[in-house]
Amino acid sequence: MRRIIQFLTAIIGLLAGFAFHARNHALITLDFYSGTLSLPLSVIVVASLLLGTLLGAAVLMPGRWRQTRRLRRLERAVRAPLVAPLAHPPPAAANHVD
């Protein structure tokens, strides 16, 4: 079910992107200090959204890696034997023969 929802969301996003591109194909000139760049408005918007997504993911990934390492360490600790060997075993019971 989750994959179907993801697939439908991706299809809707692509259709919206194509519609946006069809309606916003005018050339926009970006003026940098060292030169200019002319691109369609839709390309500039999509590129800026992609750049923002990549920068956001780059900021979040170190925390995610730390959490993953901590989770693996804790899972190993849970799988380890739960009863540690006793440092001082209890004295053996005396055998009484009457």
Protein backbone atom coordinates (compact mmCIF):
# COMPACT_ATOMS: atom_id res chain seq x y z
CA MET A 1 0.00 0.00 0.00
CA ARG A 2 2.84 2.36 0.87
CA ARG A 3 4.50 1.85 -2.52
CA ILE A 4 1.26 2.54 -4.33
CA ILE A 5 0.89 5.84 -2.47
CA GLN A 6 4.53 6.75 -3.23
CA PHE A 7 4.06 5.87 -6.89
CA LEU A 8 0.87 7.92 -7.17
CA THR A 9 2.52 10.86 -5.41
CA ALA A 10 5.44 10.70 -7.86
CA ILE A 11 3.11 10.59 -10.86
CA ILE A 12 1.10 13.56 -9.57
CA GLY A 13 4.35 15.48 -8.94
CA LEU A 14 5.60 14.76 -12.46
CA LEU A 15 2.30 15.82 -14.01
CA ALA A 16 2.32 19.03 -11.97
CA GLY A 17 5.92 19.66 -13.05
CA PHE A 18 5.06 19.19 -16.73
CA ALA A 19 2.08 21.51 -16.39
CA PHE A 20 4.28 24.10 -14.65
CA HIS A 21 6.87 23.82 -17.42
CA ALA A 22 4.25 24.19 -20.14
CA ARG A 23 2.89 27.39 -18.59
CA ASN A 24 6.26 28.93 -17.57
CA HIS A 25 8.65 28.52 -20.47
CA ALA A 26 9.74 32.17 -20.70
CA LEU A 27 13.48 32.76 -20.61
CA ILE A 28 14.85 34.35 -17.46
CA THR A 29 18.32 35.86 -17.37
CA LEU A 30 20.35 35.38 -14.21
CA ASP A 31 23.01 38.06 -13.93
CA PHE A 32 26.10 36.96 -12.02
CA TYR A 33 29.10 39.21 -11.48
CA SER A 34 31.18 37.13 -13.86
CA GLY A 35 28.51 36.55 -16.53
CA THR A 36 24.88 35.86 -17.33
CA LEU A 37 22.82 32.72 -17.73
CA SER A 38 19.52 32.48 -19.61
CA LEU A 39 17.24 29.57 -18.75
CA PRO A 40 13.51 28.88 -18.77
CA LEU A 41 11.76 29.84 -15.54
CA SER A 42 10.65 26.25 -14.91
CA VAL A 43 14.23 24.97 -15.09
CA ILE A 44 15.40 27.60 -12.61
CA VAL A 45 12.59 26.77 -10.17
CA VAL A 46 13.18 22.99 -10.39
CA ALA A 47 16.95 23.44 -10.03
CA SER A 48 16.51 25.62 -6.95
CA LEU A 49 14.10 23.09 -5.39
CA LEU A 50 16.57 20.26 -6.07
CA LEU A 51 19.46 22.26 -4.64
CA GLY A 52 17.45 23.04 -1.49
CA THR A 53 16.50 19.37 -1.09
CA LEU A 54 20.11 18.23 -1.47
CA LEU A 55 21.39 20.83 0.99
CA GLY A 56 18.70 19.88 3.52
CA ALA A 57 19.56 16.19 3.19
CA ALA A 58 23.26 16.97 3.59
CA VAL A 59 22.53 18.80 6.84
CA LEU A 60 20.36 15.97 8.22
CA MET A 61 22.56 13.00 7.25
CA PRO A 62 25.22 13.25 10.01
CA GLY A 63 22.52 13.04 12.70
CA ARG A 64 20.94 10.09 10.92
CA TRP A 65 24.30 8.30 10.76
CA ARG A 66 24.83 8.85 14.49
CA GLN A 67 21.39 7.45 15.26
CA THR A 68 22.03 4.41 13.08
CA ARG A 69 25.36 3.68 14.80
CA ARG A 70 23.76 4.07 18.23
CA LEU A 71 20.88 1.79 17.27
CA ARG A 72 23.27 -0.92 16.04
CA ARG A 73 25.28 -0.67 19.26
CA LEU A 74 22.14 -0.98 21.37
CA GLU A 75 20.84 -3.91 19.31
CA ARG A 76 24.16 -5.73 19.82
CA ALA A 77 23.89 -5.09 23.55
CA VAL A 78 20.38 -6.57 23.61
CA ARG A 79 21.49 -9.66 21.68
CA ALA A 80 24.44 -10.23 24.05
CA PRO A 81 23.95 -12.79 26.82
CA LEU A 82 21.65 -11.33 29.41
CA VAL A 83 23.25 -13.16 32.37
CA ALA A 84 26.81 -12.10 33.01
CA PRO A 85 29.13 -14.60 34.70
CA LEU A 86 29.13 -14.16 38.45
CA ALA A 87 32.25 -12.62 39.94
CA HIS A 88 31.79 -14.56 43.20
CA PRO A 89 29.76 -17.74 42.81
CA PRO A 90 27.65 -18.74 45.82
CA PRO A 91 29.20 -21.33 48.13
CA ALA A 92 28.35 -24.92 47.33
CA ALA A 93 25.80 -26.53 49.57
CA ALA A 94 27.25 -28.93 52.13
CA ASN A 95 26.28 -32.55 51.68
CA HIS A 96 25.02 -33.92 55.00
CA VAL A 97 24.87 -37.60 55.40
CA ASP A 98 22.99 -38.67 58.53
